[in-house]
C-alpha atoms as a PDB file:
ATOM      1  CA  MET A   1      25.862   6.919  -9.627  1.00  0.00           C
ATOM      2  CA  LYS A   2      23.487   8.975 -11.804  1.00  0.00           C
ATOM      3  CA  LEU A   3      22.720   7.965 -15.397  1.00  0.00           C
ATOM      4  CA  LEU A   4      25.203  11.138 -17.274  1.00  0.00           C
ATOM      5  CA  GLU A   5      27.681  10.674 -14.822  1.00  0.00           C
ATOM      6  CA  ILE A   6      27.873   6.983 -16.306  1.00  0.00           C
ATOM      7  CA  PHE A   7      27.955   7.611 -19.836  1.00  0.00           C
ATOM      8  CA  SER A   8      30.661  10.944 -19.677  1.00  0.00           C
ATOM      9  CA  THR A   9      33.701   9.465 -17.703  1.00  0.00           C
ATOM     10  CA  LYS A  10      36.191   8.408 -20.233  1.00  0.00           C
ATOM     11  CA  LYS A  11      35.678   4.512 -19.032  1.00  0.00           C
ATOM     12  CA  THR A  12      32.577   4.780 -21.498  1.00  0.00           C
ATOM     13  CA  ALA A  13      33.639   7.366 -23.891  1.00  0.00           C
ATOM     14  CA  LYS A  14      34.043   4.329 -25.747  1.00  0.00           C
ATOM     15  CA  PHE A  15      30.825   2.682 -24.670  1.00  0.00           C
ATOM     16  CA  VAL A  16      28.901   6.074 -26.505  1.00  0.00           C
ATOM     17  CA  SER A  17      30.970   6.099 -29.309  1.00  0.00           C
ATOM     18  CA  THR A  18      29.944   2.235 -30.003  1.00  0.00           C
ATOM     19  CA  ILE A  19      26.743   3.159 -29.849  1.00  0.00           C
ATOM     20  CA  ASP A  20      26.986   5.837 -32.262  1.00  0.00           C
ATOM     21  CA  GLU A  21      28.355   4.024 -34.695  1.00  0.00           C
ATOM     22  CA  TYR A  22      25.864   1.656 -33.834  1.00  0.00           C
ATOM     23  CA  LEU A  23      22.825   4.050 -34.933  1.00  0.00           C
ATOM     24  CA  ASN A  24      24.730   5.415 -38.160  1.00  0.00           C
ATOM     25  CA  ARG A  25      24.478   2.281 -39.140  1.00  0.00           C
ATOM     26  CA  ILE A  26      20.358   2.292 -38.660  1.00  0.00           C
ATOM     27  CA  ASP A  27      20.662   5.552 -40.393  1.00  0.00           C
ATOM     28  CA  ASN A  28      22.627   4.587 -42.974  1.00  0.00           C
ATOM     29  CA  SER A  29      20.259   1.657 -43.913  1.00  0.00           C
ATOM     30  CA  LEU A  30      17.618   3.760 -43.851  1.00  0.00           C
ATOM     31  CA  ILE A  31      18.922   5.134 -46.871  1.00  0.00           C
ATOM     32  CA  ILE A  32      19.655   2.509 -48.780  1.00  0.00           C
ATOM     33  CA  PHE A  33      16.334   0.707 -47.996  1.00  0.00           C
ATOM     34  CA  LYS A  34      14.821   4.671 -49.679  1.00  0.00           C
ATOM     35  CA  GLU A  35      17.413   4.531 -52.154  1.00  0.00           C
ATOM     36  CA  GLY A  36      16.636  -0.034 -52.993  1.00  0.00           C
ATOM     37  CA  ILE A  37      12.501   0.488 -53.057  1.00  0.00           C
ATOM     38  CA  LYS A  38      12.786   3.494 -55.513  1.00  0.00           C
ATOM     39  CA  ALA A  39      15.155   1.214 -57.462  1.00  0.00           C
ATOM     40  CA  TYR A  40      12.786  -1.770 -57.563  1.00  0.00           C
ATOM     41  CA  LEU A  41       9.534   0.078 -58.571  1.00  0.00           C
ATOM     42  CA  TYR A  42      11.509   2.249 -61.343  1.00  0.00           C
ATOM     43  CA  ASN A  43      13.242  -0.666 -62.485  1.00  0.00           C
ATOM     44  CA  ASP A  44      16.948   0.171 -62.046  1.00  0.00           C
ATOM     45  CA  ASP A  45      18.096  -2.825 -61.738  1.00  0.00           C
ATOM     46  CA  GLU A  46      21.677  -2.416 -61.114  1.00  0.00           C
ATOM     47  CA  ALA A  47      20.962  -0.225 -58.358  1.00  0.00           C
ATOM     48  CA  PHE A  48      18.296  -2.489 -56.436  1.00  0.00           C
ATOM     49  CA  SER A  49      20.792  -4.934 -57.052  1.00  0.00           C
ATOM     50  CA  GLN A  50      23.519  -2.750 -55.074  1.00  0.00           C
ATOM     51  CA  SER A  51      20.503  -1.846 -52.029  1.00  0.00           C
ATOM     52  CA  LEU A  52      20.720  -5.575 -51.565  1.00  0.00           C
ATOM     53  CA  SER A  53      24.574  -6.382 -50.922  1.00  0.00           C
ATOM     54  CA  THR A  54      24.869  -2.428 -49.081  1.00  0.00           C
ATOM     55  CA  MET A  55      22.385  -3.661 -47.155  1.00  0.00           C
ATOM     56  CA  ALA A  56      23.137  -7.144 -46.473  1.00  0.00           C
ATOM     57  CA  SER A  57      26.882  -5.285 -45.174  1.00  0.00           C
ATOM     58  CA  LEU A  58      25.329  -2.889 -42.925  1.00  0.00           C
ATOM     59  CA  GLU A  59      23.064  -5.936 -41.257  1.00  0.00           C
ATOM     60  CA  ALA A  60      26.297  -7.655 -40.405  1.00  0.00           C
ATOM     61  CA  GLU A  61      28.016  -5.086 -39.087  1.00  0.00           C
ATOM     62  CA  SER A  62      25.009  -3.764 -36.576  1.00  0.00           C
ATOM     63  CA  GLY A  63      25.310  -7.399 -35.778  1.00  0.00           C
ATOM     64  CA  ALA A  64      28.813  -7.211 -35.267  1.00  0.00           C
ATOM     65  CA  LEU A  65      28.291  -3.822 -32.965  1.00  0.00           C
ATOM     66  CA  ARG A  66      25.754  -4.989 -30.773  1.00  0.00           C
ATOM     67  CA  ARG A  67      27.783  -7.883 -29.226  1.00  0.00           C
ATOM     68  CA  GLU A  68      30.133  -5.656 -28.929  1.00  0.00           C
ATOM     69  CA  ILE A  69      27.807  -3.138 -26.768  1.00  0.00           C
ATOM     70  CA  GLU A  70      26.455  -5.653 -24.765  1.00  0.00           C
ATOM     71  CA  ASN A  71      29.860  -6.962 -24.461  1.00  0.00           C
ATOM     72  CA  SER A  72      30.431  -3.748 -22.552  1.00  0.00           C
ATOM     73  CA  LEU A  73      27.466  -3.512 -20.849  1.00  0.00           C
ATOM     74  CA  TYR A  74      27.957  -7.213 -18.429  1.00  0.00           C
ATOM     75  CA  SER A  75      32.126  -5.991 -17.844  1.00  0.00           C
ATOM     76  CA  ARG A  76      31.018  -2.543 -16.884  1.00  0.00           C
ATOM     77  CA  GLY A  77      29.035  -2.790 -13.118  1.00  0.00           C
ATOM     78  CA  ALA A  78      28.273   0.344 -12.872  1.00  0.00           C
ATOM     79  CA  MET A  79      26.161  -0.137 -16.143  1.00  0.00           C
ATOM     80  CA  ILE A  80      23.769  -3.073 -14.721  1.00  0.00           C
ATOM     81  CA  ARG A  81      20.975  -0.607 -13.465  1.00  0.00           C
ATOM     82  CA  TYR A  82      20.452   0.780 -16.990  1.00  0.00           C
ATOM     83  CA  ARG A  83      21.715  -2.788 -18.686  1.00  0.00           C
ATOM     84  CA  GLY A  84      17.941  -4.663 -19.642  1.00  0.00           C
ATOM     85  CA  ASP A  85      16.978  -1.062 -20.407  1.00  0.00           C
ATOM     86  CA  ILE A  86      19.283  -0.283 -23.298  1.00  0.00           C
ATOM     87  CA  MET A  87      19.260  -4.120 -24.271  1.00  0.00           C
ATOM     88  CA  ARG A  88      15.572  -3.553 -25.102  1.00  0.00           C
ATOM     89  CA  LEU A  89      16.058  -0.641 -26.855  1.00  0.00           C
ATOM     90  CA  LEU A  90      18.750  -2.642 -29.267  1.00  0.00           C
ATOM     91  CA  GLU A  91      16.639  -5.242 -29.812  1.00  0.00           C
ATOM     92  CA  ARG A  92      13.722  -2.522 -31.234  1.00  0.00           C
ATOM     93  CA  PHE A  93      16.656  -1.197 -33.271  1.00  0.00           C
ATOM     94  CA  ASP A  94      17.349  -4.649 -34.717  1.00  0.00           C
ATOM     95  CA  HIS A  95      13.522  -5.639 -35.143  1.00  0.00           C
ATOM     96  CA  ILE A  96      14.589  -2.856 -37.633  1.00  0.00           C
ATOM     97  CA  ILE A  97      17.464  -3.671 -39.008  1.00  0.00           C
ATOM     98  CA  LEU A  98      15.484  -7.200 -39.889  1.00  0.00           C
ATOM     99  CA  ILE A  99      12.393  -5.179 -41.001  1.00  0.00           C
ATOM    100  CA  ILE A 100      14.589  -3.604 -43.580  1.00  0.00           C
ATOM    101  CA  ALA A 101      16.750  -6.287 -44.801  1.00  0.00           C
ATOM    102  CA  ASN A 102      13.640  -9.070 -45.316  1.00  0.00           C
ATOM    103  CA  ASP A 103      11.432  -6.024 -47.133  1.00  0.00           C
ATOM    104  CA  LEU A 104      14.372  -5.773 -49.761  1.00  0.00           C
ATOM    105  CA  VAL A 105      14.842  -9.137 -50.029  1.00  0.00           C
ATOM    106  CA  GLN A 106      11.457  -9.792 -50.561  1.00  0.00           C
ATOM    107  CA  PHE A 107      11.200  -7.471 -53.316  1.00  0.00           C
ATOM    108  CA  GLU A 108      13.675  -9.229 -55.001  1.00  0.00           C
ATOM    109  CA  ILE A 109      12.033 -12.761 -54.870  1.00  0.00           C
ATOM    110  CA  GLU A 110       8.502 -11.863 -55.241  1.00  0.00           C
ATOM    111  CA  ALA A 111       8.776  -9.205 -57.806  1.00  0.00           C
ATOM    112  CA  PRO A 112       5.415  -7.704 -56.959  1.00  0.00           C
ATOM    113  CA  LYS A 113       3.877  -5.767 -60.314  1.00  0.00           C
ATOM    114  CA  VAL A 114       3.274  -2.005 -58.813  1.00  0.00           C
ATOM    115  CA  PRO A 115       0.668  -0.443 -61.166  1.00  0.00           C
ATOM    116  CA  GLN A 116       2.360   3.061 -62.461  1.00  0.00           C
ATOM    117  CA  GLU A 117      -0.096   5.085 -60.931  1.00  0.00           C
ATOM    118  CA  LEU A 118       0.987   3.867 -57.363  1.00  0.00           C
ATOM    119  CA  LYS A 119       4.944   3.853 -57.567  1.00  0.00           C
ATOM    120  CA  LYS A 120       4.610   7.851 -56.186  1.00  0.00           C
ATOM    121  CA  GLU A 121       2.652   6.468 -53.266  1.00  0.00           C
ATOM    122  CA  PHE A 122       4.677   3.397 -52.818  1.00  0.00           C
ATOM    123  CA  VAL A 123       8.024   6.138 -52.811  1.00  0.00           C
ATOM    124  CA  LYS A 124       6.322   8.176 -49.899  1.00  0.00           C
ATOM    125  CA  LEU A 125       5.646   5.363 -48.013  1.00  0.00           C
ATOM    126  CA  THR A 126       8.830   4.252 -47.691  1.00  0.00           C
ATOM    127  CA  GLU A 127       9.413   7.847 -47.039  1.00  0.00           C
ATOM    128  CA  LEU A 128       6.854   8.814 -44.562  1.00  0.00           C
ATOM    129  CA  VAL A 129       8.267   4.991 -42.678  1.00  0.00           C
ATOM    130  CA  THR A 130      11.414   5.945 -42.369  1.00  0.00           C
ATOM    131  CA  MET A 131      11.229   9.117 -41.485  1.00  0.00           C
ATOM    132  CA  ALA A 132       9.276   7.627 -38.182  1.00  0.00           C
ATOM    133  CA  VAL A 133      12.449   5.619 -37.555  1.00  0.00           C
ATOM    134  CA  GLU A 134      14.892   8.768 -38.415  1.00  0.00           C
ATOM    135  CA  ALA A 135      12.798  10.656 -35.460  1.00  0.00           C
ATOM    136  CA  SER A 136      13.798   7.802 -33.012  1.00  0.00           C
ATOM    137  CA  ILE A 137      17.997   8.139 -33.842  1.00  0.00           C
ATOM    138  CA  PRO A 138      18.356  11.484 -31.939  1.00  0.00           C
ATOM    139  CA  GLY A 139      15.923  10.468 -28.780  1.00  0.00           C
ATOM    140  CA  ALA A 140      18.255   7.291 -28.713  1.00  0.00           C
ATOM    141  CA  ARG A 141      21.114   9.586 -28.070  1.00  0.00           C
ATOM    142  CA  ALA A 142      19.793  12.132 -26.126  1.00  0.00           C
ATOM    143  CA  TYR A 143      19.455   9.664 -23.834  1.00  0.00           C
ATOM    144  CA  PHE A 144      23.274   8.751 -23.235  1.00  0.00           C
ATOM    145  CA  SER A 145      24.387  12.373 -23.558  1.00  0.00           C
ATOM    146  CA  ASP A 146      21.123  14.635 -22.292  1.00  0.00           C
ATOM    147  CA  PRO A 147      17.876  12.136 -21.797  1.00  0.00           C
ATOM    148  CA  ASN A 148      15.611  15.989 -21.341  1.00  0.00           C
ATOM    149  CA  LYS A 149      15.426  16.119 -24.963  1.00  0.00           C
ATOM    150  CA  VAL A 150      14.488  12.759 -25.322  1.00  0.00           C
ATOM    151  CA  SER A 151      10.332  13.363 -25.471  1.00  0.00           C
ATOM    152  CA  GLU A 152      11.186  16.184 -28.136  1.00  0.00           C
ATOM    153  CA  THR A 153      12.498  13.932 -30.293  1.00  0.00           C
ATOM    154  CA  THR A 154      10.197  10.863 -30.224  1.00  0.00           C
ATOM    155  CA  ASN A 155       7.147  12.658 -30.468  1.00  0.00           C
ATOM    156  CA  ARG A 156       8.017  13.443 -34.950  1.00  0.00           C
ATOM    157  CA  VAL A 157       7.691   9.690 -34.496  1.00  0.00           C
ATOM    158  CA  TYR A 158       4.466   9.606 -33.158  1.00  0.00           C
ATOM    159  CA  PHE A 159       3.264  11.930 -35.899  1.00  0.00           C
ATOM    160  CA  TYR A 160       5.103   9.994 -39.015  1.00  0.00           C
ATOM    161  CA  GLU A 161       3.473   6.559 -38.002  1.00  0.00           C
ATOM    162  CA  LYS A 162      -0.418   8.184 -38.393  1.00  0.00           C
ATOM    163  CA  GLU A 163       1.267   9.436 -41.674  1.00  0.00           C
ATOM    164  CA  ALA A 164       2.495   6.379 -42.903  1.00  0.00           C
ATOM    165  CA  VAL A 165      -0.492   4.382 -41.556  1.00  0.00           C
ATOM    166  CA  LYS A 166      -2.816   6.705 -43.288  1.00  0.00           C
ATOM    167  CA  LEU A 167      -0.627   6.719 -46.321  1.00  0.00           C
ATOM    168  CA  SER A 168      -0.732   2.700 -46.266  1.00  0.00           C
ATOM    169  CA  GLN A 169      -5.030   2.303 -46.150  1.00  0.00           C
ATOM    170  CA  SER A 170      -5.231   4.698 -48.591  1.00  0.00           C
ATOM    171  CA  ILE A 171      -3.005   2.408 -51.330  1.00  0.00           C
ATOM    172  CA  LYS A 172      -5.179  -0.455 -49.628  1.00  0.00           C
ATOM    173  CA  ARG A 173      -8.247   1.284 -50.531  1.00  0.00           C
ATOM    174  CA  THR A 174      -7.101   2.493 -54.343  1.00  0.00           C
ATOM    175  CA  VAL A 175      -5.755  -1.183 -55.046  1.00  0.00           C
ATOM    176  CA  PHE A 176      -9.114  -3.179 -54.040  1.00  0.00           C
ATOM    177  CA  HIS A 177     -11.804  -0.133 -54.808  1.00  0.00           C
ATOM    178  CA  ASP A 178     -10.226   1.045 -58.140  1.00  0.00           C
ATOM    179  CA  MET A 179      -8.299  -0.962 -60.004  1.00  0.00           C
ATOM    180  CA  ASP A 180     -10.637  -3.408 -61.578  1.00  0.00           C
ATOM    181  CA  GLY A 181      -8.271  -4.450 -63.925  1.00  0.00           C
ATOM    182  CA  LEU A 182      -6.116  -6.335 -61.133  1.00  0.00           C
ATOM    183  CA  LYS A 183      -6.710 -10.371 -60.204  1.00  0.00           C
ATOM    184  CA  LEU A 184      -7.384 -10.596 -56.854  1.00  0.00           C
ATOM    185  CA  SER A 185      -3.728 -12.368 -56.720  1.00  0.00           C
ATOM    186  CA  GLU A 186      -2.530  -8.784 -57.615  1.00  0.00           C
ATOM    187  CA  LYS A 187      -4.465  -7.350 -55.535  1.00  0.00           C
ATOM    188  CA  PHE A 188      -3.363  -9.291 -52.549  1.00  0.00           C
ATOM    189  CA  HIS A 189       0.404  -9.391 -53.330  1.00  0.00           C
ATOM    190  CA  LEU A 190       0.402  -5.540 -53.463  1.00  0.00           C
ATOM    191  CA  ARG A 191      -1.772  -5.428 -49.715  1.00  0.00           C
ATOM    192  CA  TYR A 192       1.146  -7.268 -48.515  1.00  0.00           C
ATOM    193  CA  PHE A 193       4.054  -4.859 -49.598  1.00  0.00           C
ATOM    194  CA  ALA A 194       2.169  -1.891 -48.456  1.00  0.00           C
ATOM    195  CA  LEU A 195       1.524  -3.498 -44.921  1.00  0.00           C
ATOM    196  CA  HIS A 196       5.053  -4.984 -44.707  1.00  0.00           C
ATOM    197  CA  ILE A 197       6.432  -1.244 -45.412  1.00  0.00           C
ATOM    198  CA  GLU A 198       4.417   0.472 -42.915  1.00  0.00           C
ATOM    199  CA  ASP A 199       5.457  -2.208 -40.475  1.00  0.00           C
ATOM    200  CA  LEU A 200       8.664  -0.174 -40.497  1.00  0.00           C
ATOM    201  CA  SER A 201       7.307   2.564 -38.442  1.00  0.00           C
ATOM    202  CA  ALA A 202       5.204   0.159 -36.202  1.00  0.00           C
ATOM    203  CA  ALA A 203       8.517  -0.957 -35.135  1.00  0.00           C
ATOM    204  CA  ALA A 204       9.758   3.055 -35.226  1.00  0.00           C
ATOM    205  CA  VAL A 205       6.783   3.606 -32.331  1.00  0.00           C
ATOM    206  CA  LYS A 206       8.194   0.259 -29.838  1.00  0.00           C
ATOM    207  CA  VAL A 207      11.817   2.463 -29.990  1.00  0.00           C
ATOM    208  CA  ALA A 208      10.071   5.595 -28.759  1.00  0.00           C
ATOM    209  CA  GLU A 209       8.281   3.691 -26.273  1.00  0.00           C
ATOM    210  CA  GLN A 210      11.020   1.838 -25.297  1.00  0.00           C
ATOM    211  CA  LEU A 211      12.739   5.804 -25.040  1.00  0.00           C
ATOM    212  CA  SER A 212      10.195   7.157 -23.027  1.00  0.00           C
ATOM    213  CA  VAL A 213      10.063   4.040 -20.567  1.00  0.00           C
ATOM    214  CA  MET A 214      14.040   4.672 -20.132  1.00  0.00           C
ATOM    215  CA  THR A 215      13.476   8.448 -19.638  1.00  0.00           C
ATOM    216  CA  ILE A 216      10.071   7.833 -17.121  1.00  0.00           C
ATOM    217  CA  LYS A 217      12.999   5.370 -14.884  1.00  0.00           C
ATOM    218  CA  ARG A 218      16.211   7.792 -15.071  1.00  0.00           C
ATOM    219  CA  SER A 219      13.947  10.648 -12.791  1.00  0.00           C
ATOM    220  CA  LEU A 220      13.104   8.444 -10.465  1.00  0.00           C
END
């Protein structure tokens, strides 16, 4: 049975609906991540605390949805051919959730001091990495409904990832070359946080790569 035939039956409607719910949690997490980083940078402690709380809830919800999806995969024999690929796709998205949650917590724990002149750069970096992940979500949805459109969406991931890497490198170069007033430990701290925000775009590329593999295998 072909992929579209499998995922267009009444029996699998609930499965596809759960996938959509799971991807919605990813999308919501990206919004919270952007809001949380911005709140931290501009000293809105109440909003930042709310972002931490909301992210913890989204992490728990996405975990429950993933387990539900896994149970469906193992209880439906028709999906056995696609089970491994879908599981690997979920792992890639789970890694994204983990990065988002960990990054917000690390900002709360380590409280990096970001110079005023770099705050807009960190906001822009956060926007670029979340755009990279956002671009992968339509591709994941398309895999279950219109696989021919997967590549149209995932190509955007690579563009935003490259832009994020360039901006992250620019931030780190500015910190080490132009900010003589900072201690070396402070420079390392800023580099650490720029790098960990940048990691989110690399995780988005992993999703895009997995979707590409899945689409190629589907056509064989």
